[in-house]
């Protein structure tokens, strides 16, 4: 199984693509299908963004309380500024 490397920019792009599909829908059935898909995409996107906020908060706390914090437990790579 390959490891995916998605970013919040990818989430943004996916939301914009879904918006385009919704706006391009022509028949009432297609509109309804795209509305349902849009709701699902929005729900999953909200979870992804909320999770990213939680990870960022955890990284900030880790750095505030442990100067040796390296982000490994969060699955992130910390870069020196």
N, C-alpha and C. Protein backbone atom coordinates (compact mmCIF):
# COMPACT_ATOMS: atom_id res chain seq x y z
N UNK A 1 0.85 -1.17 0.00
CA UNK A 1 0.00 0.00 0.00
C UNK A 1 0.89 1.24 0.00
N UNK A 2 0.59 2.18 -0.89
CA UNK A 2 1.41 3.38 -0.96
C UNK A 2 0.96 4.39 0.10
N UNK A 3 1.91 5.16 0.55
CA UNK A 3 1.62 6.18 1.57
C UNK A 3 1.20 7.47 0.86
N UNK A 4 0.05 8.00 1.21
CA UNK A 4 -0.40 9.24 0.59
C UNK A 4 0.20 10.43 1.31
N UNK A 5 0.49 11.46 0.56
CA UNK A 5 1.05 12.68 1.10
C UNK A 5 0.15 13.83 0.68
N UNK A 6 -0.95 14.02 1.37
CA UNK A 6 -1.89 15.08 1.03
C UNK A 6 -1.71 16.25 1.97
N UNK A 7 -2.02 17.43 1.46
CA UNK A 7 -1.88 18.65 2.24
C UNK A 7 -3.23 19.35 2.34
N UNK A 8 -3.28 20.39 3.15
CA UNK A 8 -4.49 21.18 3.24
C UNK A 8 -4.78 21.87 1.91
N UNK A 9 -3.74 22.15 1.13
CA UNK A 9 -3.95 22.71 -0.21
C UNK A 9 -4.69 21.70 -1.09
N UNK A 10 -4.37 20.41 -0.93
CA UNK A 10 -5.09 19.37 -1.68
C UNK A 10 -6.57 19.35 -1.29
N UNK A 11 -6.85 19.53 -0.01
CA UNK A 11 -8.24 19.58 0.45
C UNK A 11 -8.94 20.78 -0.20
N UNK A 12 -8.28 21.91 -0.20
CA UNK A 12 -8.84 23.11 -0.84
C UNK A 12 -9.15 22.85 -2.31
N UNK A 13 -8.19 22.26 -3.01
CA UNK A 13 -8.39 21.99 -4.43
C UNK A 13 -9.53 21.02 -4.66
N UNK A 14 -9.65 20.02 -3.83
CA UNK A 14 -10.75 19.06 -3.94
C UNK A 14 -12.10 19.76 -3.73
N UNK A 15 -12.16 20.65 -2.76
CA UNK A 15 -13.40 21.39 -2.52
C UNK A 15 -13.76 22.27 -3.72
N UNK A 16 -12.77 22.90 -4.31
CA UNK A 16 -13.02 23.74 -5.49
C UNK A 16 -13.48 22.90 -6.68
N UNK A 17 -12.88 21.72 -6.87
CA UNK A 17 -13.30 20.82 -7.94
C UNK A 17 -14.74 20.37 -7.73
N UNK A 18 -15.09 20.07 -6.49
CA UNK A 18 -16.46 19.65 -6.20
C UNK A 18 -17.43 20.80 -6.46
N UNK A 19 -17.03 22.01 -6.11
CA UNK A 19 -17.87 23.18 -6.39
C UNK A 19 -18.12 23.31 -7.89
N UNK A 20 -17.09 23.09 -8.68
CA UNK A 20 -17.25 23.15 -10.14
C UNK A 20 -18.20 22.07 -10.64
N UNK A 21 -18.07 20.84 -10.11
CA UNK A 21 -18.99 19.77 -10.52
C UNK A 21 -20.42 20.11 -10.15
N UNK A 22 -20.60 20.70 -8.99
CA UNK A 22 -21.94 21.08 -8.56
C UNK A 22 -22.52 22.15 -9.49
N UNK A 23 -21.70 23.12 -9.84
CA UNK A 23 -22.17 24.20 -10.71
C UNK A 23 -22.41 23.72 -12.15
N UNK A 24 -21.70 22.67 -12.56
CA UNK A 24 -21.84 22.16 -13.93
C UNK A 24 -22.97 21.14 -14.08
N UNK A 25 -23.53 20.68 -12.97
CA UNK A 25 -24.60 19.68 -13.03
C UNK A 25 -25.79 20.26 -13.79
N UNK A 26 -26.38 19.44 -14.63
CA UNK A 26 -27.47 19.93 -15.48
C UNK A 26 -28.83 19.35 -15.13
N UNK A 27 -28.95 18.06 -15.06
CA UNK A 27 -30.26 17.46 -14.79
C UNK A 27 -30.56 17.52 -13.30
N UNK A 28 -31.83 17.49 -12.93
CA UNK A 28 -32.18 17.49 -11.49
C UNK A 28 -31.53 16.31 -10.74
N UNK A 29 -31.44 15.16 -11.39
CA UNK A 29 -30.81 14.00 -10.74
C UNK A 29 -29.32 14.24 -10.52
N UNK A 30 -28.68 14.84 -11.52
CA UNK A 30 -27.25 15.12 -11.40
C UNK A 30 -27.01 16.17 -10.32
N UNK A 31 -27.86 17.18 -10.26
CA UNK A 31 -27.74 18.21 -9.22
C UNK A 31 -27.87 17.57 -7.84
N UNK A 32 -28.87 16.72 -7.65
CA UNK A 32 -29.09 16.06 -6.36
C UNK A 32 -27.89 15.18 -5.99
N UNK A 33 -27.37 14.43 -6.98
CA UNK A 33 -26.21 13.57 -6.72
C UNK A 33 -25.01 14.41 -6.30
N UNK A 34 -24.79 15.54 -6.97
CA UNK A 34 -23.64 16.39 -6.64
C UNK A 34 -23.84 17.09 -5.30
N UNK A 35 -25.08 17.42 -4.96
CA UNK A 35 -25.35 18.00 -3.64
C UNK A 35 -24.97 17.00 -2.55
N UNK A 36 -25.39 15.75 -2.72
CA UNK A 36 -25.07 14.72 -1.73
C UNK A 36 -23.55 14.50 -1.65
N UNK A 37 -22.91 14.46 -2.81
CA UNK A 37 -21.45 14.28 -2.83
C UNK A 37 -20.78 15.48 -2.16
N UNK A 38 -21.27 16.68 -2.44
CA UNK A 38 -20.70 17.89 -1.84
C UNK A 38 -20.80 17.86 -0.31
N UNK A 39 -21.94 17.42 0.19
CA UNK A 39 -22.10 17.31 1.64
C UNK A 39 -21.10 16.33 2.24
N UNK A 40 -20.92 15.19 1.57
CA UNK A 40 -19.96 14.19 2.06
C UNK A 40 -18.54 14.73 2.03
N UNK A 41 -18.18 15.39 0.93
CA UNK A 41 -16.83 15.96 0.81
C UNK A 41 -16.62 17.02 1.88
N UNK A 42 -17.62 17.87 2.10
CA UNK A 42 -17.50 18.92 3.12
C UNK A 42 -17.35 18.33 4.51
N UNK A 43 -18.11 17.28 4.81
CA UNK A 43 -18.02 16.64 6.12
C UNK A 43 -16.62 16.06 6.36
N UNK A 44 -16.10 15.35 5.37
CA UNK A 44 -14.77 14.75 5.51
C UNK A 44 -13.70 15.85 5.58
N UNK A 45 -13.85 16.89 4.78
CA UNK A 45 -12.89 17.99 4.81
C UNK A 45 -12.85 18.66 6.16
N UNK A 46 -14.00 18.84 6.80
CA UNK A 46 -14.04 19.45 8.13
C UNK A 46 -13.27 18.60 9.13
N UNK A 47 -13.44 17.29 9.05
CA UNK A 47 -12.71 16.40 9.96
C UNK A 47 -11.20 16.53 9.71
N UNK A 48 -10.79 16.58 8.45
CA UNK A 48 -9.36 16.71 8.12
C UNK A 48 -8.79 18.02 8.65
N UNK A 49 -9.51 19.11 8.46
CA UNK A 49 -9.03 20.41 8.94
C UNK A 49 -9.00 20.44 10.46
N UNK A 50 -10.03 19.93 11.11
CA UNK A 50 -10.04 19.87 12.58
C UNK A 50 -8.87 19.04 13.10
N UNK A 51 -8.58 17.93 12.44
CA UNK A 51 -7.46 17.08 12.84
C UNK A 51 -6.14 17.83 12.66
N UNK A 52 -6.01 18.57 11.58
CA UNK A 52 -4.79 19.34 11.35
C UNK A 52 -4.61 20.39 12.44
N UNK A 53 -5.70 21.04 12.85
CA UNK A 53 -5.63 22.02 13.93
C UNK A 53 -5.18 21.35 15.23
N UNK A 54 -5.70 20.17 15.51
CA UNK A 54 -5.32 19.44 16.72
C UNK A 54 -3.84 19.09 16.68
N UNK A 55 -3.36 18.63 15.53
CA UNK A 55 -1.94 18.29 15.40
C UNK A 55 -1.06 19.52 15.59
N UNK A 56 -1.49 20.65 15.03
CA UNK A 56 -0.72 21.88 15.18
C UNK A 56 -0.70 22.31 16.65
N UNK A 57 -1.83 22.23 17.32
CA UNK A 57 -1.88 22.56 18.76
C UNK A 57 -0.96 21.64 19.56
N UNK A 58 -0.98 20.35 19.23
CA UNK A 58 -0.12 19.39 19.94
C UNK A 58 1.35 19.70 19.70
N UNK A 59 1.70 20.06 18.48
CA UNK A 59 3.09 20.41 18.18
C UNK A 59 3.50 21.66 18.95
N UNK A 60 2.62 22.65 19.00
CA UNK A 60 2.93 23.87 19.75
C UNK A 60 3.14 23.57 21.23
N UNK A 61 2.26 22.75 21.80
CA UNK A 61 2.41 22.38 23.21
C UNK A 61 3.71 21.61 23.43
N UNK A 62 3.99 20.69 22.51
CA UNK A 62 5.23 19.92 22.62
C UNK A 62 6.44 20.82 22.63
N UNK A 63 6.45 21.82 21.77
CA UNK A 63 7.58 22.75 21.72
C UNK A 63 7.63 23.66 22.94
N UNK A 64 6.45 24.04 23.43
CA UNK A 64 6.40 24.92 24.61
C UNK A 64 6.93 24.24 25.86
N UNK A 65 6.68 22.95 26.00
CA UNK A 65 7.01 22.24 27.24
C UNK A 65 8.18 21.27 27.13
N UNK A 66 8.66 21.05 25.93
CA UNK A 66 9.77 20.13 25.75
C UNK A 66 10.60 20.61 24.57
N UNK A 67 11.70 21.25 24.86
CA UNK A 67 12.54 21.82 23.80
C UNK A 67 13.14 20.74 22.89
N UNK A 68 13.10 19.49 23.32
CA UNK A 68 13.61 18.39 22.49
C UNK A 68 12.50 17.72 21.67
N UNK A 69 11.30 18.27 21.72
CA UNK A 69 10.17 17.71 20.98
C UNK A 69 10.50 17.73 19.48
N UNK A 70 10.30 16.56 18.83
CA UNK A 70 10.64 16.48 17.41
C UNK A 70 9.46 16.13 16.51
N UNK A 71 8.28 15.96 17.06
CA UNK A 71 7.09 15.72 16.24
C UNK A 71 6.87 14.28 15.83
N UNK A 72 7.79 13.38 16.18
CA UNK A 72 7.69 11.99 15.75
C UNK A 72 6.37 11.35 16.18
N UNK A 73 5.95 11.61 17.40
CA UNK A 73 4.72 11.01 17.91
C UNK A 73 3.50 11.44 17.09
N UNK A 74 3.59 12.60 16.43
CA UNK A 74 2.50 13.11 15.60
C UNK A 74 2.65 12.68 14.13
N UNK A 75 3.77 12.05 13.82
CA UNK A 75 4.02 11.66 12.45
C UNK A 75 4.41 12.83 11.56
N UNK A 76 4.98 13.85 12.19
CA UNK A 76 5.39 15.03 11.42
C UNK A 76 6.88 15.26 11.61
N UNK A 77 7.46 15.95 10.67
CA UNK A 77 8.88 16.28 10.73
C UNK A 77 9.01 17.74 11.09
N UNK A 78 9.67 18.01 12.18
CA UNK A 78 9.86 19.39 12.62
C UNK A 78 11.13 19.92 11.96
N UNK A 79 11.06 21.11 11.40
CA UNK A 79 12.22 21.73 10.77
C UNK A 79 12.66 22.92 11.61
N UNK A 80 13.94 23.07 11.70
CA UNK A 80 14.47 24.20 12.49
C UNK A 80 14.29 25.48 11.72
N UNK A 81 13.94 26.54 12.45
CA UNK A 81 13.74 27.83 11.80
C UNK A 81 15.00 28.66 11.82
